[in-house]
Amino acid sequence: MIEIKDLLLKFQNLLSLGEAQKDTIRSVISEAIGVQIKSEDITIKNGTIYLNIKPVYKNEILLKKEKIFNKLEELLGKKSPQGFR
């Protein structure tokens, strides 16, 4: 029988993994375009990064998309997201 504390521990590990991913994405994007993005403005769903930022910054990210994804793949490996929205 699985105890509730074991299930909660699994969810806690998943949440901390998501936050670590967001921090990595935030730092890579900040390094690439020179603009700080808040972790709250980043959402990851089904391998796609959703950014709640100004369109000007999104355009800059799209211009440097290949560089950003190469760095993310280097840092996150198989768990790196595959697209932006």
N, C-alpha and C. Protein backbone atom coordinates (compact mmCIF):
# COMPACT_ATOMS: atom_id res chain seq x y z
N MET A 1 0.84 -1.18 0.00
CA MET A 1 0.00 0.00 0.00
C MET A 1 0.89 1.25 0.00
N ILE A 2 0.58 2.19 -0.86
CA ILE A 2 1.35 3.42 -0.97
C ILE A 2 0.82 4.44 0.02
N GLU A 3 1.74 5.01 0.78
CA GLU A 3 1.34 6.02 1.75
C GLU A 3 1.27 7.39 1.08
N ILE A 4 0.49 8.25 1.67
CA ILE A 4 0.29 9.60 1.13
C ILE A 4 1.60 10.37 1.11
N LYS A 5 2.42 10.18 2.12
CA LYS A 5 3.68 10.93 2.17
C LYS A 5 4.59 10.54 1.00
N ASP A 6 4.54 9.28 0.55
CA ASP A 6 5.33 8.87 -0.60
C ASP A 6 4.85 9.54 -1.88
N LEU A 7 3.53 9.64 -2.05
CA LEU A 7 2.98 10.33 -3.21
C LEU A 7 3.33 11.81 -3.20
N LEU A 8 3.23 12.43 -2.05
CA LEU A 8 3.56 13.85 -1.93
C LEU A 8 5.04 14.09 -2.22
N LEU A 9 5.88 13.18 -1.81
CA LEU A 9 7.31 13.30 -2.07
C LEU A 9 7.58 13.23 -3.57
N LYS A 10 6.87 12.36 -4.29
CA LYS A 10 7.03 12.28 -5.74
C LYS A 10 6.62 13.59 -6.40
N PHE A 11 5.49 14.16 -5.97
CA PHE A 11 5.05 15.44 -6.53
C PHE A 11 6.03 16.56 -6.20
N GLN A 12 6.59 16.54 -5.02
CA GLN A 12 7.56 17.56 -4.64
C GLN A 12 8.79 17.47 -5.54
N ASN A 13 9.24 16.27 -5.84
CA ASN A 13 10.39 16.09 -6.72
C ASN A 13 10.08 16.59 -8.12
N LEU A 14 8.88 16.32 -8.62
CA LEU A 14 8.49 16.80 -9.95
C LEU A 14 8.43 18.32 -10.00
N LEU A 15 7.89 18.93 -8.96
CA LEU A 15 7.79 20.38 -8.92
C LEU A 15 9.16 21.03 -8.86
N SER A 16 10.06 20.48 -8.07
CA SER A 16 11.40 21.06 -7.97
C SER A 16 12.16 20.88 -9.28
N LEU A 17 11.92 19.78 -9.99
CA LEU A 17 12.53 19.56 -11.30
C LEU A 17 12.03 20.61 -12.29
N GLY A 18 10.74 20.91 -12.26
CA GLY A 18 10.17 21.93 -13.13
C GLY A 18 10.74 23.31 -12.85
N GLU A 19 10.94 23.64 -11.60
CA GLU A 19 11.51 24.93 -11.22
C GLU A 19 12.97 25.01 -11.66
N ALA A 20 13.69 23.92 -11.53
CA ALA A 20 15.09 23.91 -11.99
C ALA A 20 15.16 24.10 -13.50
N GLN A 21 14.23 23.47 -14.22
CA GLN A 21 14.17 23.64 -15.68
C GLN A 21 13.88 25.09 -16.03
N LYS A 22 12.93 25.69 -15.34
CA LYS A 22 12.59 27.09 -15.60
C LYS A 22 13.78 28.01 -15.34
N ASP A 23 14.51 27.76 -14.26
CA ASP A 23 15.68 28.58 -13.94
C ASP A 23 16.75 28.45 -15.02
N THR A 24 16.95 27.23 -15.51
CA THR A 24 17.93 27.01 -16.58
C THR A 24 17.50 27.74 -17.85
N ILE A 25 16.24 27.61 -18.21
CA ILE A 25 15.71 28.28 -19.40
C ILE A 25 15.85 29.79 -19.26
N ARG A 26 15.50 30.29 -18.10
CA ARG A 26 15.58 31.73 -17.84
C ARG A 26 17.01 32.24 -17.99
N SER A 27 17.97 31.51 -17.45
CA SER A 27 19.36 31.96 -17.52
C SER A 27 19.90 31.88 -18.95
N VAL A 28 19.54 30.84 -19.69
CA VAL A 28 20.00 30.70 -21.08
C VAL A 28 19.42 31.82 -21.95
N ILE A 29 18.14 32.11 -21.79
CA ILE A 29 17.52 33.18 -22.57
C ILE A 29 18.12 34.53 -22.19
N SER A 30 18.31 34.76 -20.91
CA SER A 30 18.90 36.02 -20.46
C SER A 30 20.29 36.22 -21.02
N GLU A 31 21.06 35.13 -21.07
CA GLU A 31 22.41 35.19 -21.63
C GLU A 31 22.36 35.47 -23.13
N ALA A 32 21.40 34.89 -23.83
CA ALA A 32 21.31 35.03 -25.28
C ALA A 32 20.83 36.41 -25.72
N ILE A 33 19.83 36.96 -25.03
CA ILE A 33 19.25 38.23 -25.50
C ILE A 33 19.55 39.41 -24.57
N GLY A 34 20.09 39.14 -23.40
CA GLY A 34 20.46 40.23 -22.49
C GLY A 34 19.31 40.84 -21.73
N VAL A 35 18.19 40.13 -21.60
CA VAL A 35 17.02 40.63 -20.87
C VAL A 35 16.64 39.62 -19.79
N GLN A 36 16.38 40.10 -18.60
CA GLN A 36 15.97 39.22 -17.51
C GLN A 36 14.49 38.87 -17.63
N ILE A 37 14.19 37.58 -17.52
CA ILE A 37 12.81 37.10 -17.56
C ILE A 37 12.50 36.46 -16.22
N LYS A 38 11.31 36.73 -15.69
CA LYS A 38 10.90 36.14 -14.42
C LYS A 38 10.50 34.69 -14.61
N SER A 39 10.72 33.87 -13.60
CA SER A 39 10.32 32.46 -13.66
C SER A 39 8.82 32.31 -13.81
N GLU A 40 8.05 33.26 -13.27
CA GLU A 40 6.60 33.20 -13.36
C GLU A 40 6.11 33.38 -14.80
N ASP A 41 6.95 33.98 -15.64
CA ASP A 41 6.58 34.23 -17.04
C ASP A 41 6.89 33.05 -17.96
N ILE A 42 7.40 31.96 -17.39
CA ILE A 42 7.75 30.78 -18.17
C ILE A 42 6.86 29.62 -17.76
N THR A 43 6.24 28.98 -18.75
CA THR A 43 5.44 27.78 -18.52
C THR A 43 5.92 26.72 -19.51
N ILE A 44 6.01 25.47 -19.04
CA ILE A 44 6.42 24.38 -19.91
C ILE A 44 5.30 23.35 -19.95
N LYS A 45 4.79 23.09 -21.16
CA LYS A 45 3.73 22.10 -21.34
C LYS A 45 4.06 21.25 -22.56
N ASN A 46 4.05 19.96 -22.39
CA ASN A 46 4.27 19.01 -23.49
C ASN A 46 5.52 19.33 -24.31
N GLY A 47 6.59 19.71 -23.65
CA GLY A 47 7.84 19.97 -24.34
C GLY A 47 7.91 21.31 -25.06
N THR A 48 6.96 22.20 -24.80
CA THR A 48 6.94 23.52 -25.43
C THR A 48 7.05 24.58 -24.34
N ILE A 49 7.87 25.58 -24.60
CA ILE A 49 8.05 26.69 -23.67
C ILE A 49 7.07 27.80 -24.04
N TYR A 50 6.25 28.22 -23.10
CA TYR A 50 5.33 29.34 -23.30
C TYR A 50 5.87 30.52 -22.50
N LEU A 51 6.07 31.65 -23.18
CA LEU A 51 6.61 32.84 -22.54
C LEU A 51 5.57 33.93 -22.51
N ASN A 52 5.39 34.52 -21.34
CA ASN A 52 4.47 35.63 -21.16
C ASN A 52 5.30 36.91 -21.07
N ILE A 53 5.87 37.31 -22.23
CA ILE A 53 6.73 38.48 -22.27
C ILE A 53 6.34 39.35 -23.47
N LYS A 54 6.97 40.50 -23.58
CA LYS A 54 6.68 41.44 -24.67
C LYS A 54 7.06 40.82 -26.01
N PRO A 55 6.28 41.12 -27.05
CA PRO A 55 6.57 40.59 -28.39
C PRO A 55 7.97 40.92 -28.92
N VAL A 56 8.50 42.07 -28.53
CA VAL A 56 9.85 42.45 -28.96
C VAL A 56 10.87 41.43 -28.47
N TYR A 57 10.72 40.99 -27.24
CA TYR A 57 11.64 40.00 -26.68
C TYR A 57 11.44 38.64 -27.33
N LYS A 58 10.18 38.31 -27.63
CA LYS A 58 9.90 37.03 -28.31
C LYS A 58 10.56 36.99 -29.68
N ASN A 59 10.52 38.11 -30.40
CA ASN A 59 11.16 38.17 -31.71
C ASN A 59 12.67 37.97 -31.59
N GLU A 60 13.26 38.59 -30.60
CA GLU A 60 14.70 38.44 -30.38
C GLU A 60 15.04 36.98 -30.06
N ILE A 61 14.19 36.34 -29.27
CA ILE A 61 14.41 34.93 -28.93
C ILE A 61 14.29 34.07 -30.18
N LEU A 62 13.31 34.34 -31.02
CA LEU A 62 13.14 33.56 -32.25
C LEU A 62 14.33 33.72 -33.19
N LEU A 63 14.93 34.91 -33.21
CA LEU A 63 16.12 35.11 -34.03
C LEU A 63 17.30 34.27 -33.54
N LYS A 64 17.36 34.05 -32.25
CA LYS A 64 18.47 33.29 -31.65
C LYS A 64 18.03 31.91 -31.17
N LYS A 65 16.93 31.43 -31.74
CA LYS A 65 16.31 30.17 -31.33
C LYS A 65 17.28 28.99 -31.36
N GLU A 66 18.02 28.85 -32.44
CA GLU A 66 18.93 27.71 -32.58
C GLU A 66 20.01 27.72 -31.50
N LYS A 67 20.57 28.88 -31.24
CA LYS A 67 21.60 29.01 -30.21
C LYS A 67 21.03 28.65 -28.84
N ILE A 68 19.81 29.13 -28.56
CA ILE A 68 19.17 28.88 -27.27
C ILE A 68 18.90 27.39 -27.09
N PHE A 69 18.33 26.74 -28.12
CA PHE A 69 18.01 25.31 -28.00
C PHE A 69 19.26 24.44 -27.91
N ASN A 70 20.33 24.84 -28.60
CA ASN A 70 21.58 24.08 -28.48
C ASN A 70 22.11 24.14 -27.05
N LYS A 71 22.05 25.32 -26.45
CA LYS A 71 22.52 25.47 -25.07
C LYS A 71 21.61 24.72 -24.10
N LEU A 72 20.29 24.77 -24.31
CA LEU A 72 19.36 24.04 -23.45
C LEU A 72 19.59 22.53 -23.55
N GLU A 73 19.82 22.05 -24.76
CA GLU A 73 20.06 20.62 -24.95
C GLU A 73 21.35 20.20 -24.26
N GLU A 74 22.34 21.08 -24.30
CA GLU A 74 23.61 20.81 -23.63
C GLU A 74 23.43 20.72 -22.12
N LEU A 75 22.62 21.63 -21.56
CA LEU A 75 22.44 21.69 -20.11
C LEU A 75 21.40 20.70 -19.58
N LEU A 76 20.30 20.51 -20.30
CA LEU A 76 19.21 19.68 -19.81
C LEU A 76 19.17 18.28 -20.41
N GLY A 77 19.87 18.07 -21.50
CA GLY A 77 19.87 16.76 -22.15
C GLY A 77 18.53 16.42 -22.75
N LYS A 78 18.08 15.20 -22.51
CA LYS A 78 16.83 14.71 -23.09
C LYS A 78 15.60 15.46 -22.58
N LYS A 79 15.71 16.10 -21.43
CA LYS A 79 14.56 16.78 -20.84
C LYS A 79 14.41 18.22 -21.34
N SER A 80 15.19 18.60 -22.35
CA SER A 80 15.07 19.97 -22.84
C SER A 80 13.82 20.13 -23.70
N PRO A 81 13.14 21.28 -23.57
CA PRO A 81 11.95 21.54 -24.39
C PRO A 81 12.31 21.61 -25.88
N GLN A 82 11.31 21.43 -26.72
CA GLN A 82 11.56 21.37 -28.16
C GLN A 82 11.00 22.54 -28.95
N GLY A 83 10.27 23.45 -28.29
CA GLY A 83 9.69 24.56 -29.04
C GLY A 83 9.31 25.73 -28.16
N PHE A 84 9.05 26.88 -28.81
CA PHE A 84 8.61 28.10 -28.14
C PHE A 84 7.22 28.46 -28.59
N ARG A 85 6.49 29.15 -27.74
CA ARG A 85 5.20 29.76 -28.11
C ARG A 85 5.07 31.02 -27.34
